[in-house]
């Protein structure tokens, strides 16, 4: 510590560290309070925009015991604000009428429930918030359309600091309120990211200051002072502040880098938060899509079925399912939407939902596809469409009836001849044209004991091993033949094909969704 050089090094490192620590502490403290207030103010606006939809749907569907439609209306609302984790509908008399946490799948049918929010809040005509310390604050909008905190007597007060547990928003019918329960999980994720960024900035600055001090202690006094002043400006929140570049050597380069860092610091922090939010939304969408798939293959008299879907990206464009017609005949469904990602996932969801709707109306697979096509064509872009296969096991005739909407040919294995062949392709993809009534027909395939039908998407025959080599149809049929020969059950056949396909691909990244449904006649 005797040399000026050493003193400069330690002094510079200390100054930079202290300044950045102050910046970090200020950012965390200020942003935490601001983000907490932003969450409940956004929650009030969100409640104002959605409470009419929730209550109207409650009166129209929940009270008439059409719970499926009510859940279909309310569930998407919950996904629109990541800071709202639950919804409740309460009456002015204090009754708890609906709770999204307890009524996710089935409508409540027990004794009359009471809410725990207090009649003062429930009967008020103004929105109310309860903070983590138990304090209740009412809210109203001022002349500038901004939310203001008030007492129940409409006296203006200041919003207190802290977290809000829930918001009660009265409906204009004077009979119902909607309760929005808030969560701060996303806030703590953002704060953690800020802490990591600040720590990384501090460490990088210390290392940089040490190197500069060793080589340029004598010449760096004046430029370092400029850098120090720049850091102090950033510490005060003046992001984007610039330092004059007075030299063309390493000091000048350092000054340029500092200026660039100052310009991009705020931008990068914002982008990190946006990226984190987008990642969470994609994970949520992935969970929703996974929940649409069957948990397990159903037990069907006369058949043994199995299926699986392995997406290539977080959100896939393939879908498969097992369901029944209105008369109870089991059906096997598989579809492949053009492209990948969120657009393909949305079209897959529309296709899947329309299948369930029309399977309750029509018995013929062809009639179901014709009706589905109108929905898919109307509700999606013209460049988005879905190829699909729908097979129905006719319990009366003990035969497989199916329709093909431009999808890959089914594989048919004849147990008696031990021959594997392609079933003729046909039809038109769903959504390509407004009307496919003349292009879709229902065909019939007789099955004997041991016969196998394999439905699949093009992710299997088009699986890539290298940039120039993919599996091909002949090799896929050979895989299927081998798997059928070594297994006596549909699940074993499915696993055998997937295992052989994985071994073929080796470590090459999966390029497309891989979906397969196996049907064996017992």
Protein backbone atom coordinates (compact mmCIF):
# COMPACT_ATOMS: atom_id res chain seq x y z
CA UNK A 1 0.00 0.00 0.00
CA UNK A 2 3.10 2.31 -0.18
CA UNK A 3 3.12 3.04 -3.91
CA UNK A 4 0.82 5.52 -5.56
CA UNK A 5 0.05 2.86 -8.16
CA UNK A 6 -1.24 0.45 -5.54
CA UNK A 7 -3.22 3.19 -3.82
CA UNK A 8 -4.82 4.19 -7.12
CA UNK A 9 -5.71 0.57 -7.88
CA UNK A 10 -7.33 -0.03 -4.51
CA UNK A 11 -8.99 3.37 -4.44
CA UNK A 12 -10.43 2.95 -7.92
CA UNK A 13 -11.65 -0.57 -7.20
CA UNK A 14 -13.21 0.61 -3.94
CA UNK A 15 -14.95 3.58 -5.54
CA UNK A 16 -16.37 1.51 -8.38
CA UNK A 17 -17.56 -1.20 -6.00
CA UNK A 18 -19.23 1.23 -3.61
CA UNK A 19 -20.87 3.17 -6.42
CA UNK A 20 -22.29 0.06 -8.06
CA UNK A 21 -23.43 -1.33 -4.72
CA UNK A 22 -25.29 1.91 -4.07
CA UNK A 23 -26.78 1.79 -7.56
CA UNK A 24 -27.81 -1.80 -7.02
CA UNK A 25 -29.34 -1.14 -3.61
CA UNK A 26 -31.19 1.92 -4.90
CA UNK A 27 -32.43 0.06 -7.98
CA UNK A 28 -33.69 -2.84 -5.90
CA UNK A 29 -35.30 -0.65 -3.25
CA UNK A 30 -36.91 1.81 -5.67
CA UNK A 31 -37.96 -0.76 -8.25
CA UNK A 32 -39.38 -3.13 -5.63
CA UNK A 33 -41.72 -0.46 -4.28
CA UNK A 34 -42.59 0.76 -7.78
CA UNK A 35 -43.22 -2.76 -9.10
CA UNK A 36 -45.37 -3.64 -6.08
CA UNK A 37 -47.52 -0.58 -6.72
CA UNK A 38 -47.54 -1.32 -10.47
CA UNK A 39 -48.85 -4.82 -9.77
CA UNK A 40 -51.89 -3.72 -7.78
CA UNK A 41 -52.62 -0.69 -9.99
CA UNK A 42 -52.48 -2.95 -13.06
CA UNK A 43 -54.65 -5.36 -11.09
CA UNK A 44 -57.29 -2.66 -10.57
CA UNK A 45 -57.33 -1.86 -14.29
CA UNK A 46 -57.40 -5.56 -15.12
CA UNK A 47 -60.31 -6.03 -12.72
CA UNK A 48 -62.17 -3.10 -14.25
CA UNK A 49 -61.80 -4.63 -17.73
CA UNK A 50 -62.70 -8.22 -16.83
CA UNK A 51 -65.22 -8.17 -13.98
CA UNK A 52 -68.21 -7.60 -16.27
CA UNK A 53 -67.24 -10.60 -18.43
CA UNK A 54 -66.79 -12.80 -15.35
CA UNK A 55 -70.09 -11.83 -13.71
CA UNK A 56 -72.07 -11.91 -16.97
CA UNK A 57 -70.75 -15.39 -17.73
CA UNK A 58 -71.47 -16.42 -14.13
CA UNK A 59 -75.12 -15.38 -14.40
CA UNK A 60 -75.51 -16.85 -17.88
CA UNK A 61 -73.70 -20.17 -17.45
CA UNK A 62 -72.63 -20.93 -13.87
CA UNK A 63 -76.06 -20.26 -12.37
CA UNK A 64 -77.62 -22.41 -15.08
CA UNK A 65 -75.08 -25.16 -14.25
CA UNK A 66 -73.28 -24.90 -17.57
CA UNK A 67 -69.95 -25.07 -15.73
CA UNK A 68 -67.94 -26.20 -18.75
CA UNK A 69 -68.82 -23.04 -20.69
CA UNK A 70 -68.24 -20.85 -17.63
CA UNK A 71 -64.78 -22.34 -17.10
CA UNK A 72 -64.06 -21.86 -20.81
CA UNK A 73 -64.90 -18.15 -20.42
CA UNK A 74 -63.06 -17.57 -17.14
CA UNK A 75 -59.87 -19.65 -17.53
CA UNK A 76 -58.43 -17.55 -20.40
CA UNK A 77 -58.96 -14.42 -18.30
CA UNK A 78 -56.68 -15.82 -15.59
CA UNK A 79 -53.87 -16.21 -18.14
CA UNK A 80 -54.00 -12.57 -19.20
CA UNK A 81 -52.30 -11.27 -16.04
CA UNK A 82 -49.48 -13.33 -14.49
CA UNK A 83 -49.87 -11.44 -11.22
CA UNK A 84 -53.45 -12.70 -10.67
CA UNK A 85 -53.46 -16.27 -9.36
CA UNK A 86 -57.16 -16.83 -8.55
CA UNK A 87 -60.67 -15.43 -9.04
CA UNK A 88 -63.74 -15.58 -6.81
CA UNK A 89 -67.31 -14.38 -7.25
CA UNK A 90 -68.99 -13.23 -4.00
CA UNK A 91 -72.45 -11.90 -3.32
CA UNK A 92 -73.31 -8.69 -1.50
CA UNK A 93 -74.69 -10.79 1.37
CA UNK A 94 -71.27 -12.32 1.96
CA UNK A 95 -71.80 -15.63 0.15
CA UNK A 96 -68.88 -17.20 -1.72
CA UNK A 97 -70.41 -18.20 -5.06
CA UNK A 98 -67.39 -19.33 -7.10
CA UNK A 99 -63.70 -20.06 -6.33
CA UNK A 100 -61.34 -20.78 -9.25
CA UNK A 101 -58.87 -22.58 -6.99
CA UNK A 102 -61.42 -25.08 -5.69
CA UNK A 103 -63.58 -25.38 -8.82
CA UNK A 104 -61.08 -26.15 -11.56
CA UNK A 105 -62.88 -29.18 -12.95
CA UNK A 106 -66.27 -29.55 -11.21
CA UNK A 107 -68.85 -27.00 -10.04
CA UNK A 108 -69.29 -26.76 -6.26
CA UNK A 109 -72.49 -28.36 -5.04
CA UNK A 110 -72.15 -28.30 -1.25
CA UNK A 111 -73.63 -26.10 1.43
CA UNK A 112 -73.70 -22.32 1.08
CA UNK A 113 -70.22 -20.89 1.62
CA UNK A 114 -69.26 -17.65 3.32
CA UNK A 115 -66.35 -15.49 2.23
CA UNK A 116 -63.74 -14.13 4.65
CA UNK A 117 -63.41 -10.58 3.37
CA UNK A 118 -65.82 -8.71 5.59
CA UNK A 119 -69.17 -7.11 4.79
CA UNK A 120 -67.66 -3.61 4.69
CA UNK A 121 -65.66 -4.49 1.58
CA UNK A 122 -68.25 -6.79 0.01
CA UNK A 123 -71.10 -4.28 0.26
CA UNK A 124 -69.07 -1.26 -0.83
CA UNK A 125 -69.72 0.21 -4.27
CA UNK A 126 -66.02 1.03 -4.65
CA UNK A 127 -63.14 -1.36 -5.39
CA UNK A 128 -61.13 -2.25 -2.27
CA UNK A 129 -57.63 -3.60 -1.63
CA UNK A 130 -56.28 -5.35 1.46
CA UNK A 131 -52.54 -5.04 2.10
CA UNK A 132 -50.29 -7.64 3.71
CA UNK A 133 -50.45 -5.76 7.04
CA UNK A 134 -54.25 -6.07 7.02
CA UNK A 135 -55.01 -2.46 6.09
CA UNK A 136 -58.00 -2.00 3.77
CA UNK A 137 -57.92 0.79 1.18
CA UNK A 138 -60.67 1.76 -1.25
CA UNK A 139 -60.00 3.10 -4.75
CA UNK A 140 -61.62 5.26 -7.37
CA UNK A 141 -60.53 7.03 -10.56
CA UNK A 142 -59.93 10.76 -10.67
CA UNK A 143 -60.65 13.22 -13.47
CA UNK A 144 -57.46 12.15 -15.26
CA UNK A 145 -58.58 8.50 -15.21
CA UNK A 146 -55.91 7.58 -12.63
CA UNK A 147 -56.54 5.30 -9.64
CA UNK A 148 -56.54 7.10 -6.29
CA UNK A 149 -56.70 5.66 -2.79
CA UNK A 150 -59.69 6.78 -0.73
CA UNK A 151 -61.44 5.92 2.50
CA UNK A 152 -64.88 4.35 2.47
CA UNK A 153 -66.20 7.91 2.91
CA UNK A 154 -64.42 8.94 -0.33
CA UNK A 155 -61.66 10.95 1.39
CA UNK A 156 -58.43 11.00 -0.66
CA UNK A 157 -55.43 9.27 0.95
CA UNK A 158 -52.05 7.98 -0.26
CA UNK A 159 -51.64 4.36 -1.35
CA UNK A 160 -49.55 2.68 1.38
CA UNK A 161 -46.37 0.75 0.56
CA UNK A 162 -46.43 -3.01 0.53
CA UNK A 163 -48.05 -5.95 -1.17
CA UNK A 164 -51.78 -6.32 -1.84
CA UNK A 165 -53.30 -9.71 -1.08
CA UNK A 166 -56.49 -9.25 -3.08
CA UNK A 167 -58.74 -6.77 -4.84
CA UNK A 168 -62.54 -6.83 -4.55
CA UNK A 169 -64.19 -5.17 -7.57
CA UNK A 170 -68.00 -4.58 -7.42
CA UNK A 171 -70.13 -5.28 -10.47
CA UNK A 172 -72.58 -2.68 -11.69
CA UNK A 173 -75.51 -5.03 -11.11
CA UNK A 174 -75.13 -4.26 -7.35
CA UNK A 175 -75.43 -7.97 -6.56
CA UNK A 176 -71.99 -9.46 -7.24
CA UNK A 177 -68.32 -8.74 -6.65
CA UNK A 178 -65.26 -10.33 -8.23
CA UNK A 179 -62.26 -11.02 -5.96
CA UNK A 180 -58.82 -11.05 -7.61
CA UNK A 181 -56.07 -12.72 -5.54
CA UNK A 182 -52.61 -11.41 -6.38
CA UNK A 183 -49.26 -13.23 -6.45
CA UNK A 184 -45.79 -11.71 -6.37
CA UNK A 185 -43.81 -14.66 -7.75
CA UNK A 186 -42.99 -12.82 -10.99
CA UNK A 187 -41.82 -9.79 -8.98
CA UNK A 188 -39.28 -11.82 -7.00
CA UNK A 189 -38.00 -13.39 -10.21
CA UNK A 190 -37.38 -9.92 -11.64
CA UNK A 191 -35.63 -8.76 -8.44
CA UNK A 192 -33.40 -11.85 -8.48
CA UNK A 193 -32.40 -11.07 -12.05
CA UNK A 194 -31.56 -7.49 -11.04
CA UNK A 195 -29.36 -8.73 -8.18
CA UNK A 196 -27.48 -11.12 -10.48
CA UNK A 197 -26.94 -8.35 -13.05
CA UNK A 198 -25.69 -5.93 -10.39
CA UNK A 199 -23.28 -8.47 -8.91
CA UNK A 200 -21.91 -9.30 -12.35
CA UNK A 201 -21.47 -5.59 -13.09
CA UNK A 202 -19.62 -5.05 -9.79
CA UNK A 203 -17.22 -7.95 -10.38
CA UNK A 204 -16.54 -6.88 -13.95
CA UNK A 205 -15.91 -3.29 -12.88
CA UNK A 206 -13.46 -4.31 -10.14
CA UNK A 207 -11.43 -6.43 -12.55
CA UNK A 208 -11.42 -3.68 -15.14
CA UNK A 209 -10.37 -1.04 -12.61
CA UNK A 210 -7.49 -3.23 -11.36
CA UNK A 211 -6.06 -3.78 -14.86
CA UNK A 212 -6.27 -0.10 -15.72
CA UNK A 213 -4.56 0.90 -12.49
CA UNK A 214 -1.58 -1.41 -12.99
CA UNK A 215 -0.67 -0.13 -16.45
CA UNK A 216 -1.83 3.47 -16.51
CA UNK A 217 -1.89 4.74 -12.91
CA UNK A 218 0.15 7.85 -13.68
CA UNK A 219 -1.82 8.85 -16.77
CA UNK A 220 -5.25 7.74 -15.64
CA UNK A 221 -5.90 10.26 -12.88
CA UNK A 222 -7.86 12.66 -15.04
CA UNK A 223 -9.72 10.04 -17.17
CA UNK A 224 -10.48 8.00 -14.08
CA UNK A 225 -11.98 11.06 -12.46
CA UNK A 226 -14.19 11.43 -15.51
CA UNK A 227 -15.16 7.79 -15.25
CA UNK A 228 -15.91 8.25 -11.58
CA UNK A 229 -18.18 11.19 -12.34
CA UNK A 230 -19.94 9.08 -14.97
CA UNK A 231 -20.48 6.27 -12.46
CA UNK A 232 -21.89 8.75 -9.97
CA UNK A 233 -24.37 9.94 -12.59
CA UNK A 234 -25.49 6.35 -13.20
CA UNK A 235 -25.74 5.86 -9.44
CA UNK A 236 -28.21 8.74 -9.43
CA UNK A 237 -30.24 7.08 -12.19
CA UNK A 238 -28.94 9.08 -15.16
CA UNK A 239 -28.64 6.07 -17.49
CA UNK A 240 -27.25 7.02 -20.89
CA UNK A 241 -24.85 9.67 -19.52
CA UNK A 242 -21.81 10.13 -21.78
CA UNK A 243 -18.14 10.95 -21.06
CA UNK A 244 -16.02 12.94 -23.54
CA UNK A 245 -13.42 10.80 -25.37
CA UNK A 246 -10.14 12.74 -25.06
CA UNK A 247 -7.61 10.05 -26.16
CA UNK A 248 -7.33 7.34 -28.82
CA UNK A 249 -5.47 4.79 -26.67
CA UNK A 250 -6.85 2.16 -24.30
CA UNK A 251 -8.24 4.87 -22.03
CA UNK A 252 -10.20 6.24 -24.94
CA UNK A 253 -11.45 2.75 -25.74
CA UNK A 254 -12.46 2.29 -22.10
CA UNK A 255 -14.37 5.56 -22.22
CA UNK A 256 -16.16 4.45 -25.40
CA UNK A 257 -17.06 1.11 -23.78
CA UNK A 258 -18.33 2.91 -20.70
CA UNK A 259 -20.50 5.15 -22.86
CA UNK A 260 -21.88 2.11 -24.71
CA UNK A 261 -22.54 0.35 -21.41
CA UNK A 262 -24.35 3.41 -20.12
CA UNK A 263 -26.56 3.50 -23.23
CA UNK A 264 -27.44 -0.18 -23.14
CA UNK A 265 -27.74 -0.74 -19.37
CA UNK A 266 -31.38 0.29 -19.17
CA UNK A 267 -32.23 -1.37 -22.47
CA UNK A 268 -30.63 -4.69 -21.48
CA UNK A 269 -32.33 -4.72 -18.08
CA UNK A 270 -35.72 -4.22 -19.71
CA UNK A 271 -35.02 -6.93 -22.32
CA UNK A 272 -34.06 -9.41 -19.61
CA UNK A 273 -37.37 -8.84 -17.85
CA UNK A 274 -39.31 -9.21 -21.11
CA UNK A 275 -37.45 -12.42 -21.95
CA UNK A 276 -38.19 -13.87 -18.51
CA UNK A 277 -41.88 -13.08 -18.90
CA UNK A 278 -41.97 -14.60 -22.39
CA UNK A 279 -40.27 -17.77 -21.14
CA UNK A 280 -42.86 -18.15 -18.38
CA UNK A 281 -45.71 -17.66 -20.85
CA UNK A 282 -44.26 -20.28 -23.22
CA UNK A 283 -43.92 -22.76 -20.36
CA UNK A 284 -47.52 -22.10 -19.38
CA UNK A 285 -48.66 -22.63 -22.98
CA UNK A 286 -46.65 -25.86 -23.12
CA UNK A 287 -48.37 -27.14 -19.95
CA UNK A 288 -51.78 -26.29 -21.40
CA UNK A 289 -51.01 -28.16 -24.62
CA UNK A 290 -49.67 -31.18 -22.70
CA UNK A 291 -52.86 -31.27 -20.62
CA UNK A 292 -54.86 -31.61 -23.85
CA UNK A 293 -53.23 -34.98 -24.56
CA UNK A 294 -54.67 -38.16 -23.10
CA UNK A 295 -53.10 -39.32 -19.83
CA UNK A 296 -53.29 -42.93 -20.91
CA UNK A 297 -54.77 -45.08 -23.65
CA UNK A 298 -58.37 -46.16 -23.01
CA UNK A 299 -59.49 -49.77 -22.66
CA UNK A 300 -61.61 -50.63 -25.70
CA UNK A 301 -63.45 -53.90 -26.07
CA UNK A 302 -62.00 -55.73 -29.06
CA UNK A 303 -59.04 -53.35 -29.52
CA UNK A 304 -55.68 -52.63 -27.91
CA UNK A 305 -54.54 -49.03 -28.49
CA UNK A 306 -51.54 -46.87 -27.59
CA UNK A 307 -50.25 -43.42 -28.55
CA UNK A 308 -47.62 -40.78 -27.84
CA UNK A 309 -46.43 -37.33 -28.93
CA UNK A 310 -42.87 -35.99 -28.70
CA UNK A 311 -42.79 -32.26 -29.64
CA UNK A 312 -39.77 -30.79 -31.43
CA UNK A 313 -40.23 -27.37 -29.78
CA UNK A 314 -41.92 -26.06 -26.64
CA UNK A 315 -45.19 -25.61 -28.52
CA UNK A 316 -45.94 -28.31 -31.10
CA UNK A 317 -48.24 -28.53 -34.09
CA UNK A 318 -49.16 -32.23 -33.67
CA UNK A 319 -52.11 -33.56 -31.69
CA UNK A 320 -53.63 -36.97 -31.00
CA UNK A 321 -56.45 -38.16 -28.79
CA UNK A 322 -58.85 -40.95 -27.92
CA UNK A 323 -62.53 -40.06 -27.61
CA UNK A 324 -66.05 -41.38 -28.29
CA UNK A 325 -68.95 -40.53 -30.54
CA UNK A 326 -72.29 -39.58 -29.07
CA UNK A 327 -73.40 -43.22 -29.34
CA UNK A 328 -70.29 -44.43 -27.51
CA UNK A 329 -68.20 -45.77 -30.42
CA UNK A 330 -64.50 -45.19 -29.60
CA UNK A 331 -62.44 -42.99 -31.94
CA UNK A 332 -58.73 -42.51 -32.51
CA UNK A 333 -57.56 -39.12 -33.82
CA UNK A 334 -54.25 -37.73 -35.07
CA UNK A 335 -53.43 -34.40 -36.78
CA UNK A 336 -50.45 -32.39 -37.99
CA UNK A 337 -50.62 -28.59 -38.36
CA UNK A 338 -48.27 -26.80 -40.72
CA UNK A 339 -45.23 -25.24 -39.02
CA UNK A 340 -44.19 -25.17 -35.37
CA UNK A 341 -44.36 -22.89 -32.37
CA UNK A 342 -47.21 -20.83 -31.02
CA UNK A 343 -49.17 -20.35 -34.33
CA UNK A 344 -49.19 -24.10 -35.01
CA UNK A 345 -50.12 -24.78 -31.37
CA UNK A 346 -53.10 -22.42 -31.59
CA UNK A 347 -54.38 -24.04 -34.79
CA UNK A 348 -53.90 -27.47 -33.19
CA UNK A 349 -56.00 -26.32 -30.21
CA UNK A 350 -58.77 -25.04 -32.51
CA UNK A 351 -58.74 -28.31 -34.45
CA UNK A 352 -58.81 -30.37 -31.26
CA UNK A 353 -61.61 -28.36 -29.68
CA UNK A 354 -63.79 -28.54 -32.79
CA UNK A 355 -63.29 -32.32 -32.89
CA UNK A 356 -64.82 -32.65 -29.43
CA UNK A 357 -67.71 -30.40 -30.34
CA UNK A 358 -68.71 -32.17 -33.54
CA UNK A 359 -68.12 -35.72 -32.23
CA UNK A 360 -71.12 -35.02 -29.98
CA UNK A 361 -73.25 -34.24 -33.04
CA UNK A 362 -72.17 -36.55 -35.87
CA UNK A 363 -71.50 -40.28 -35.96
CA UNK A 364 -69.73 -40.38 -39.34
CA UNK A 365 -66.01 -39.54 -39.34
CA UNK A 366 -66.49 -37.82 -42.70
CA UNK A 367 -69.29 -35.60 -41.35
CA UNK A 368 -67.13 -34.66 -38.36
CA UNK A 369 -64.26 -33.61 -40.64
CA UNK A 370 -66.57 -31.59 -42.91
CA UNK A 371 -67.85 -29.62 -39.95
CA UNK A 372 -64.37 -29.19 -38.47
CA UNK A 373 -63.05 -27.85 -41.78
CA UNK A 374 -65.46 -24.91 -41.71
CA UNK A 375 -64.27 -23.93 -38.23
CA UNK A 376 -60.55 -24.28 -39.00
CA UNK A 377 -60.87 -22.38 -42.29
CA UNK A 378 -62.85 -19.57 -40.69
CA UNK A 379 -60.79 -19.16 -37.53
CA UNK A 380 -57.23 -19.44 -38.94
CA UNK A 381 -55.05 -17.80 -41.59
CA UNK A 382 -55.28 -19.13 -45.14
CA UNK A 383 -51.69 -20.42 -44.99
CA UNK A 384 -52.40 -22.51 -41.88
CA UNK A 385 -54.06 -25.90 -42.21
CA UNK A 386 -54.07 -29.32 -40.58
CA UNK A 387 -53.88 -32.81 -42.06
CA UNK A 388 -55.78 -35.32 -39.96
CA UNK A 389 -56.91 -38.93 -39.60
CA UNK A 390 -60.00 -40.00 -37.67
CA UNK A 391 -60.75 -43.71 -37.14
CA UNK A 392 -63.89 -45.05 -35.42
CA UNK A 393 -64.35 -48.57 -34.10
CA UNK A 394 -67.90 -49.53 -35.07
CA UNK A 395 -69.03 -51.80 -32.26
CA UNK A 396 -71.97 -53.14 -34.23
CA UNK A 397 -70.06 -54.20 -37.36
CA UNK A 398 -66.77 -54.80 -35.52
CA UNK A 399 -64.93 -52.87 -38.23
CA UNK A 400 -62.74 -49.78 -38.39
CA UNK A 401 -64.31 -46.85 -40.22
CA UNK A 402 -62.05 -43.91 -41.00
CA UNK A 403 -61.64 -40.66 -42.92
CA UNK A 404 -58.41 -39.10 -44.15
CA UNK A 405 -58.05 -35.30 -44.47
CA UNK A 406 -54.87 -35.13 -46.55
CA UNK A 407 -52.86 -36.98 -43.90
CA UNK A 408 -50.13 -39.61 -44.22
CA UNK A 409 -51.30 -43.09 -45.28
CA UNK A 410 -52.10 -45.48 -42.44
CA UNK A 411 -50.02 -48.64 -42.15
CA UNK A 412 -52.02 -51.87 -42.16
CA UNK A 413 -50.51 -55.13 -40.92
CA UNK A 414 -52.34 -58.34 -41.88
CA UNK A 415 -51.61 -60.90 -39.17
CA UNK A 416 -52.52 -63.87 -41.36
CA UNK A 417 -50.24 -62.97 -44.28
CA UNK A 418 -47.77 -61.04 -42.06
CA UNK A 419 -47.77 -58.36 -44.73
CA UNK A 420 -47.46 -54.62 -43.97
CA UNK A 421 -48.99 -52.23 -46.52
CA UNK A 422 -50.04 -48.62 -46.96
CA UNK A 423 -53.74 -47.72 -46.80
CA UNK A 424 -54.67 -45.35 -49.62
CA UNK A 425 -54.40 -41.65 -48.79
CA UNK A 426 -57.30 -39.32 -49.56
CA UNK A 427 -59.20 -36.17 -48.75
CA UNK A 428 -58.15 -32.56 -48.31
CA UNK A 429 -56.38 -30.94 -45.35
CA UNK A 430 -58.64 -29.11 -42.90
CA UNK A 431 -58.69 -25.35 -43.41
CA UNK A 432 -57.32 -25.19 -46.96
CA UNK A 433 -60.65 -24.48 -48.62
CA UNK A 434 -64.06 -23.36 -47.30
CA UNK A 435 -65.83 -26.58 -48.31
CA UNK A 436 -64.44 -30.13 -48.57
CA UNK A 437 -67.77 -31.99 -48.58
CA UNK A 438 -67.02 -33.67 -51.92
CA UNK A 439 -63.42 -34.50 -50.99
CA UNK A 440 -63.95 -36.34 -47.70
CA UNK A 441 -65.47 -39.79 -47.45
CA UNK A 442 -65.68 -42.47 -44.79
CA UNK A 443 -64.02 -45.77 -45.64
CA UNK A 444 -64.05 -49.10 -43.89
CA UNK A 445 -61.23 -51.48 -42.95
CA UNK A 446 -62.03 -54.99 -41.76
CA UNK A 447 -59.72 -56.23 -39.00
CA UNK A 448 -58.99 -59.77 -37.90
CA UNK A 449 -57.35 -60.88 -34.68
CA UNK A 450 -53.73 -59.71 -34.55
CA UNK A 451 -54.17 -57.11 -37.34
CA UNK A 452 -52.51 -53.75 -36.65
CA UNK A 453 -53.22 -50.19 -37.84
CA UNK A 454 -50.53 -47.50 -37.35
CA UNK A 455 -51.42 -43.81 -37.58
CA UNK A 456 -48.51 -41.33 -37.53
CA UNK A 457 -47.32 -37.85 -38.52
CA UNK A 458 -44.59 -37.07 -41.03
CA UNK A 459 -42.11 -36.43 -38.23
CA UNK A 460 -41.36 -40.17 -38.29
CA UNK A 461 -40.65 -40.96 -41.96
CA UNK A 462 -39.00 -37.55 -42.34
CA UNK A 463 -36.78 -37.91 -39.24
CA UNK A 464 -33.29 -36.63 -40.04
CA UNK A 465 -30.04 -38.37 -39.21
CA UNK A 466 -27.83 -35.72 -40.79
CA UNK A 467 -28.48 -32.56 -42.80
CA UNK A 468 -28.71 -34.68 -45.96
CA UNK A 469 -30.10 -38.02 -44.77
CA UNK A 470 -33.54 -38.82 -43.42
CA UNK A 471 -35.38 -42.06 -42.64
CA UNK A 472 -37.79 -42.44 -45.56
CA UNK A 473 -40.98 -44.47 -45.87
CA UNK A 474 -39.37 -47.81 -46.72
CA UNK A 475 -37.13 -47.74 -43.65
CA UNK A 476 -40.07 -46.69 -41.46
CA UNK A 477 -42.16 -49.62 -42.69
CA UNK A 478 -39.23 -51.95 -41.95
CA UNK A 479 -39.05 -50.53 -38.41
CA UNK A 480 -42.78 -51.05 -37.96
CA UNK A 481 -42.60 -54.62 -39.33
CA UNK A 482 -39.79 -55.49 -36.90
CA UNK A 483 -41.60 -53.93 -33.93
CA UNK A 484 -44.85 -55.80 -34.73
CA UNK A 485 -42.98 -59.11 -35.08
CA UNK A 486 -41.41 -58.75 -31.63
CA UNK A 487 -44.44 -57.43 -29.69
CA UNK A 488 -47.94 -58.71 -29.06
CA UNK A 489 -49.40 -55.49 -27.67
CA UNK A 490 -49.91 -52.01 -29.10
CA UNK A 491 -47.81 -50.28 -26.41
CA UNK A 492 -44.89 -52.61 -27.11
CA UNK A 493 -45.17 -51.87 -30.84
CA UNK A 494 -45.23 -48.13 -30.17
CA UNK A 495 -42.19 -48.29 -27.89
CA UNK A 496 -40.38 -50.51 -30.37
CA UNK A 497 -40.87 -48.04 -33.23
CA UNK A 498 -39.84 -45.02 -31.11
CA UNK A 499 -36.77 -46.87 -29.78
CA UNK A 500 -35.64 -47.78 -33.30
CA UNK A 501 -36.30 -44.23 -34.51
CA UNK A 502 -34.23 -42.76 -31.65
CA UNK A 503 -31.38 -45.14 -32.41
CA UNK A 504 -31.53 -44.13 -36.09
CA UNK A 505 -31.41 -40.38 -35.34
CA UNK A 506 -28.49 -40.85 -32.94
CA UNK A 507 -27.80 -37.37 -31.49
CA UNK A 508 -29.13 -35.29 -34.40
CA UNK A 509 -31.63 -32.67 -33.16
CA UNK A 510 -35.31 -33.49 -33.65
CA UNK A 511 -36.68 -31.35 -36.50
CA UNK A 512 -40.40 -32.14 -36.32
CA UNK A 513 -43.02 -33.40 -33.87
CA UNK A 514 -43.15 -37.19 -33.61
CA UNK A 515 -46.66 -38.59 -33.05
CA UNK A 516 -47.93 -42.15 -33.36
CA UNK A 517 -51.11 -44.12 -32.59
CA UNK A 518 -51.13 -47.92 -32.72
CA UNK A 519 -54.38 -49.95 -32.99
CA UNK A 520 -54.35 -53.74 -32.63
CA UNK A 521 -57.34 -56.06 -33.04
CA UNK A 522 -57.50 -58.47 -30.14
